[in-house]
Amino acid sequence: MKKLLSVVLVVMLLLSISAAALADTYGLGISTSIGSSKPAADGKNGTAQVDSTICALVLDEEGKIKSVKFDVAQTKVAITEKGEIAADMTAEIKSKTELGDDYGMQKASPLEKGEWFEQAAAFEAYCLGKTPEEVLGMKTKVKDDHHQSVPDEADVVSTVTMDVGAMLAALKKAADSAK
């Protein structure tokens, strides 16, 4: 009898855990831009550049962010003035997270943890427990021509100085796909 009761309790526990997990919704969003491309001119190569910002999202049963991950695939292809590709067509293209410290943003950042992957992790932490709408409604500011959506919220300004506009666009798409 005790064994049967134990088995029933274990099954009920497993069902309740799986029911809670089934209440989660998952979303994926990608925001793509070619805005950083540059034409070849004055004897210098141009660059065809595609930036794809990816957001993977888990929402809990209340619609709050339970887990979120951001990354960027920044694909650059050098183009000569003659329109020829001047890039290694077989080279592996790593995301900003995969590049880690090699991305090189730390030298331009005033933050101790200023590399791209560190600031992305700080932004992800800021998002946790909020609804996508709360994150999308965050205050941002224009820093310069290349940084049009820099966080201007007390909870995040000390850890994120990069533009998060593409991240917010990808988050919106991920939240929309989770519904």
C-alpha atoms as a PDB file:
ATOM      1  CA  MET A   1       0.000   0.000   0.000  1.00  0.00           C
ATOM      2  CA  LYS A   2       2.822   2.396   0.877  1.00  0.00           C
ATOM      3  CA  LYS A   3       4.525   1.665  -2.439  1.00  0.00           C
ATOM      4  CA  LEU A   4       1.324   2.333  -4.342  1.00  0.00           C
ATOM      5  CA  LEU A   5       0.780   5.599  -2.468  1.00  0.00           C
ATOM      6  CA  SER A   6       4.399   6.626  -3.160  1.00  0.00           C
ATOM      7  CA  VAL A   7       4.046   5.848  -6.858  1.00  0.00           C
ATOM      8  CA  VAL A   8       0.781   7.813  -7.055  1.00  0.00           C
ATOM      9  CA  LEU A   9       2.362  10.800  -5.299  1.00  0.00           C
ATOM     10  CA  VAL A  10       5.401  10.711  -7.594  1.00  0.00           C
ATOM     11  CA  VAL A  11       3.154  10.551 -10.682  1.00  0.00           C
ATOM     12  CA  MET A  12       1.056  13.468  -9.389  1.00  0.00           C
ATOM     13  CA  LEU A  13       4.229  15.479  -8.735  1.00  0.00           C
ATOM     14  CA  LEU A  14       5.557  14.774 -12.227  1.00  0.00           C
ATOM     15  CA  LEU A  15       2.219  15.727 -13.792  1.00  0.00           C
ATOM     16  CA  SER A  16       2.102  19.007 -11.873  1.00  0.00           C
ATOM     17  CA  ILE A  17       5.674  19.843 -12.895  1.00  0.00           C
ATOM     18  CA  SER A  18       4.997  19.044 -16.537  1.00  0.00           C
ATOM     19  CA  ALA A  19       1.752  21.039 -16.440  1.00  0.00           C
ATOM     20  CA  ALA A  20       3.678  24.072 -15.196  1.00  0.00           C
ATOM     21  CA  ALA A  21       6.254  23.620 -17.961  1.00  0.00           C
ATOM     22  CA  LEU A  22       3.477  23.289 -20.546  1.00  0.00           C
ATOM     23  CA  ALA A  23       2.105  26.660 -19.416  1.00  0.00           C
ATOM     24  CA  ASP A  24       5.253  28.344 -20.747  1.00  0.00           C
ATOM     25  CA  THR A  25       5.182  29.773 -24.253  1.00  0.00           C
ATOM     26  CA  TYR A  26       8.198  30.077 -26.500  1.00  0.00           C
ATOM     27  CA  GLY A  27       9.011  32.651 -29.134  1.00  0.00           C
ATOM     28  CA  LEU A  28      11.718  33.408 -31.649  1.00  0.00           C
ATOM     29  CA  GLY A  29      12.251  36.752 -33.344  1.00  0.00           C
ATOM     30  CA  ILE A  30      14.810  38.021 -35.831  1.00  0.00           C
ATOM     31  CA  SER A  31      15.368  41.642 -36.801  1.00  0.00           C
ATOM     32  CA  THR A  32      17.526  42.110 -39.906  1.00  0.00           C
ATOM     33  CA  SER A  33      19.150  45.269 -41.245  1.00  0.00           C
ATOM     34  CA  ILE A  34      21.552  46.218 -44.049  1.00  0.00           C
ATOM     35  CA  GLY A  35      21.954  49.767 -42.728  1.00  0.00           C
ATOM     36  CA  SER A  36      25.677  49.405 -42.008  1.00  0.00           C
ATOM     37  CA  SER A  37      26.590  48.582 -45.632  1.00  0.00           C
ATOM     38  CA  LYS A  38      29.016  50.996 -47.315  1.00  0.00           C
ATOM     39  CA  PRO A  39      29.688  51.528 -51.034  1.00  0.00           C
ATOM     40  CA  ALA A  40      33.169  51.126 -52.515  1.00  0.00           C
ATOM     41  CA  ALA A  41      34.715  54.523 -53.257  1.00  0.00           C
ATOM     42  CA  ASP A  42      38.028  56.345 -53.659  1.00  0.00           C
ATOM     43  CA  GLY A  43      40.009  53.135 -54.133  1.00  0.00           C
ATOM     44  CA  LYS A  44      38.637  51.580 -50.949  1.00  0.00           C
ATOM     45  CA  ASN A  45      36.523  48.450 -50.742  1.00  0.00           C
ATOM     46  CA  GLY A  46      32.908  48.741 -49.802  1.00  0.00           C
ATOM     47  CA  THR A  47      31.099  46.426 -47.436  1.00  0.00           C
ATOM     48  CA  ALA A  48      27.834  44.592 -47.869  1.00  0.00           C
ATOM     49  CA  GLN A  49      26.741  44.005 -44.281  1.00  0.00           C
ATOM     50  CA  VAL A  50      23.738  42.155 -42.916  1.00  0.00           C
ATOM     51  CA  ASP A  51      23.035  42.372 -39.190  1.00  0.00           C
ATOM     52  CA  SER A  52      20.535  39.813 -37.890  1.00  0.00           C
ATOM     53  CA  THR A  53      19.574  40.243 -34.246  1.00  0.00           C
ATOM     54  CA  ILE A  54      18.025  37.109 -32.778  1.00  0.00           C
ATOM     55  CA  CYS A  55      15.854  36.810 -29.673  1.00  0.00           C
ATOM     56  CA  ALA A  56      14.801  33.490 -28.121  1.00  0.00           C
ATOM     57  CA  LEU A  57      12.137  33.969 -25.473  1.00  0.00           C
ATOM     58  CA  VAL A  58      10.260  31.960 -22.837  1.00  0.00           C
ATOM     59  CA  LEU A  59       7.172  33.507 -21.250  1.00  0.00           C
ATOM     60  CA  ASP A  60       5.578  32.106 -18.116  1.00  0.00           C
ATOM     61  CA  GLU A  61       1.843  31.585 -17.651  1.00  0.00           C
ATOM     62  CA  GLU A  62       1.454  35.258 -16.624  1.00  0.00           C
ATOM     63  CA  GLY A  63       3.180  36.488 -19.796  1.00  0.00           C
ATOM     64  CA  LYS A  64       6.338  37.530 -17.968  1.00  0.00           C
ATOM     65  CA  ILE A  65       9.783  36.850 -19.351  1.00  0.00           C
ATOM     66  CA  LYS A  66      11.114  33.687 -17.769  1.00  0.00           C
ATOM     67  CA  SER A  67      14.142  33.372 -20.054  1.00  0.00           C
ATOM     68  CA  VAL A  68      15.531  35.464 -22.901  1.00  0.00           C
ATOM     69  CA  LYS A  69      18.667  35.255 -25.026  1.00  0.00           C
ATOM     70  CA  PHE A  70      19.938  37.709 -27.613  1.00  0.00           C
ATOM     71  CA  ASP A  71      22.662  37.322 -30.221  1.00  0.00           C
ATOM     72  CA  VAL A  72      23.703  39.032 -33.444  1.00  0.00           C
ATOM     73  CA  ALA A  73      24.998  37.480 -36.643  1.00  0.00           C
ATOM     74  CA  GLN A  74      26.943  40.313 -38.257  1.00  0.00           C
ATOM     75  CA  THR A  75      27.816  39.230 -41.788  1.00  0.00           C
ATOM     76  CA  LYS A  76      30.293  41.499 -43.609  1.00  0.00           C
ATOM     77  CA  VAL A  77      31.429  40.978 -47.186  1.00  0.00           C
ATOM     78  CA  ALA A  78      34.058  43.284 -48.710  1.00  0.00           C
ATOM     79  CA  ILE A  79      33.190  44.458 -52.247  1.00  0.00           C
ATOM     80  CA  THR A  80      35.759  46.039 -54.601  1.00  0.00           C
ATOM     81  CA  GLU A  81      35.040  49.116 -56.711  1.00  0.00           C
ATOM     82  CA  LYS A  82      34.590  46.727 -59.636  1.00  0.00           C
ATOM     83  CA  GLY A  83      31.830  44.944 -57.709  1.00  0.00           C
ATOM     84  CA  GLU A  84      33.879  41.824 -57.011  1.00  0.00           C
ATOM     85  CA  ILE A  85      33.716  39.984 -53.724  1.00  0.00           C
ATOM     86  CA  ALA A  86      36.955  40.524 -51.801  1.00  0.00           C
ATOM     87  CA  ALA A  87      36.273  38.174 -48.917  1.00  0.00           C
ATOM     88  CA  ASP A  88      37.022  34.598 -47.955  1.00  0.00           C
ATOM     89  CA  MET A  89      33.858  32.812 -49.072  1.00  0.00           C
ATOM     90  CA  THR A  90      34.703  29.792 -46.895  1.00  0.00           C
ATOM     91  CA  ALA A  91      35.335  31.706 -43.663  1.00  0.00           C
ATOM     92  CA  GLU A  92      33.183  30.797 -40.677  1.00  0.00           C
ATOM     93  CA  ILE A  93      30.936  33.629 -39.569  1.00  0.00           C
ATOM     94  CA  LYS A  94      30.689  33.784 -35.790  1.00  0.00           C
ATOM     95  CA  SER A  95      27.980  35.599 -33.878  1.00  0.00           C
ATOM     96  CA  LYS A  96      28.857  38.379 -31.456  1.00  0.00           C
ATOM     97  CA  THR A  97      28.365  35.990 -28.539  1.00  0.00           C
ATOM     98  CA  GLU A  98      30.588  33.363 -30.162  1.00  0.00           C
ATOM     99  CA  LEU A  99      33.288  35.995 -30.731  1.00  0.00           C
ATOM    100  CA  GLY A 100      33.270  36.867 -27.024  1.00  0.00           C
ATOM    101  CA  ASP A 101      36.199  39.142 -26.155  1.00  0.00           C
ATOM    102  CA  ASP A 102      37.376  39.043 -29.773  1.00  0.00           C
ATOM    103  CA  TYR A 103      34.419  41.201 -30.861  1.00  0.00           C
ATOM    104  CA  GLY A 104      36.364  44.167 -29.488  1.00  0.00           C
ATOM    105  CA  MET A 105      33.657  46.415 -28.064  1.00  0.00           C
ATOM    106  CA  GLN A 106      35.333  46.653 -24.650  1.00  0.00           C
ATOM    107  CA  LYS A 107      37.845  49.239 -25.875  1.00  0.00           C
ATOM    108  CA  ALA A 108      35.002  51.635 -26.755  1.00  0.00           C
ATOM    109  CA  SER A 109      32.975  50.990 -23.601  1.00  0.00           C
ATOM    110  CA  PRO A 110      33.282  52.889 -20.323  1.00  0.00           C
ATOM    111  CA  LEU A 111      31.990  49.821 -18.444  1.00  0.00           C
ATOM    112  CA  GLU A 112      34.234  47.297 -16.710  1.00  0.00           C
ATOM    113  CA  LYS A 113      32.126  44.553 -18.286  1.00  0.00           C
ATOM    114  CA  GLY A 114      31.675  46.354 -21.573  1.00  0.00           C
ATOM    115  CA  GLU A 115      32.131  43.619 -24.151  1.00  0.00           C
ATOM    116  CA  TRP A 116      29.068  42.889 -26.301  1.00  0.00           C
ATOM    117  CA  PHE A 117      28.222  39.518 -24.734  1.00  0.00           C
ATOM    118  CA  GLU A 118      28.501  40.997 -21.213  1.00  0.00           C
ATOM    119  CA  GLN A 119      26.196  43.909 -21.991  1.00  0.00           C
ATOM    120  CA  ALA A 120      23.763  41.537 -23.734  1.00  0.00           C
ATOM    121  CA  ALA A 121      23.706  39.350 -20.604  1.00  0.00           C
ATOM    122  CA  ALA A 122      23.027  42.443 -18.467  1.00  0.00           C
ATOM    123  CA  PHE A 123      20.161  43.444 -20.774  1.00  0.00           C
ATOM    124  CA  GLU A 124      18.778  39.885 -20.616  1.00  0.00           C
ATOM    125  CA  ALA A 125      18.875  40.073 -16.801  1.00  0.00           C
ATOM    126  CA  TYR A 126      17.024  43.413 -16.932  1.00  0.00           C
ATOM    127  CA  CYS A 127      14.254  41.770 -19.006  1.00  0.00           C
ATOM    128  CA  LEU A 128      13.615  38.881 -16.611  1.00  0.00           C
ATOM    129  CA  GLY A 129      10.342  39.068 -14.677  1.00  0.00           C
ATOM    130  CA  LYS A 130       8.957  41.824 -16.892  1.00  0.00           C
ATOM    131  CA  THR A 131       6.387  41.489 -19.632  1.00  0.00           C
ATOM    132  CA  PRO A 132       7.613  42.093 -23.177  1.00  0.00           C
ATOM    133  CA  GLU A 133       5.438  45.227 -23.234  1.00  0.00           C
ATOM    134  CA  GLU A 134       7.234  46.585 -20.151  1.00  0.00           C
ATOM    135  CA  VAL A 135      10.632  46.026 -21.769  1.00  0.00           C
ATOM    136  CA  LEU A 136       9.472  47.451 -25.122  1.00  0.00           C
ATOM    137  CA  GLY A 137       8.218  50.542 -23.279  1.00  0.00           C
ATOM    138  CA  MET A 138      11.571  51.240 -21.654  1.00  0.00           C
ATOM    139  CA  LYS A 139      12.984  54.737 -21.989  1.00  0.00           C
ATOM    140  CA  THR A 140      15.835  55.099 -24.458  1.00  0.00           C
ATOM    141  CA  LYS A 141      17.952  57.997 -25.635  1.00  0.00           C
ATOM    142  CA  VAL A 142      19.929  58.959 -28.712  1.00  0.00           C
ATOM    143  CA  LYS A 143      23.667  58.812 -28.011  1.00  0.00           C
ATOM    144  CA  ASP A 144      24.848  59.563 -31.576  1.00  0.00           C
ATOM    145  CA  ASP A 145      24.045  58.697 -35.195  1.00  0.00           C
ATOM    146  CA  HIS A 146      24.932  55.031 -34.636  1.00  0.00           C
ATOM    147  CA  HIS A 147      23.286  54.686 -31.218  1.00  0.00           C
ATOM    148  CA  GLN A 148      19.662  55.762 -31.565  1.00  0.00           C
ATOM    149  CA  SER A 149      18.158  53.554 -28.811  1.00  0.00           C
ATOM    150  CA  VAL A 150      20.474  53.430 -25.797  1.00  0.00           C
ATOM    151  CA  PRO A 151      18.758  52.435 -22.523  1.00  0.00           C
ATOM    152  CA  ASP A 152      17.803  55.357 -20.306  1.00  0.00           C
ATOM    153  CA  GLU A 153      16.352  53.390 -17.384  1.00  0.00           C
ATOM    154  CA  ALA A 154      17.949  53.548 -13.936  1.00  0.00           C
ATOM    155  CA  ASP A 155      17.998  49.733 -13.642  1.00  0.00           C
ATOM    156  CA  VAL A 156      20.110  49.242 -16.764  1.00  0.00           C
ATOM    157  CA  VAL A 157      22.169  52.389 -17.585  1.00  0.00           C
ATOM    158  CA  SER A 158      25.097  51.255 -15.454  1.00  0.00           C
ATOM    159  CA  THR A 159      25.398  47.915 -17.300  1.00  0.00           C
ATOM    160  CA  VAL A 160      24.284  48.590 -20.893  1.00  0.00           C
ATOM    161  CA  THR A 161      25.643  51.466 -23.007  1.00  0.00           C
ATOM    162  CA  MET A 162      25.067  49.922 -26.446  1.00  0.00           C
ATOM    163  CA  ASP A 163      22.131  50.514 -28.760  1.00  0.00           C
ATOM    164  CA  VAL A 164      19.337  48.017 -28.019  1.00  0.00           C
ATOM    165  CA  GLY A 165      16.930  49.050 -30.802  1.00  0.00           C
ATOM    166  CA  ALA A 166      17.433  45.873 -32.847  1.00  0.00           C
ATOM    167  CA  MET A 167      17.159  43.776 -29.672  1.00  0.00           C
ATOM    168  CA  LEU A 168      13.826  45.410 -28.869  1.00  0.00           C
ATOM    169  CA  ALA A 169      12.609  44.775 -32.433  1.00  0.00           C
ATOM    170  CA  ALA A 170      13.634  41.097 -32.178  1.00  0.00           C
ATOM    171  CA  LEU A 171      12.005  40.843 -28.725  1.00  0.00           C
ATOM    172  CA  LYS A 172       8.719  42.180 -30.143  1.00  0.00           C
ATOM    173  CA  LYS A 173       8.786  39.593 -32.922  1.00  0.00           C
ATOM    174  CA  ALA A 174       9.617  36.824 -30.433  1.00  0.00           C
ATOM    175  CA  ALA A 175       6.778  37.913 -28.117  1.00  0.00           C
ATOM    176  CA  ASP A 176       4.360  38.090 -31.064  1.00  0.00           C
ATOM    177  CA  SER A 177       5.350  34.566 -32.153  1.00  0.00           C
ATOM    178  CA  ALA A 178       4.876  33.239 -28.600  1.00  0.00           C
ATOM    179  CA  LYS A 179       1.178  34.100 -28.614  1.00  0.00           C
END
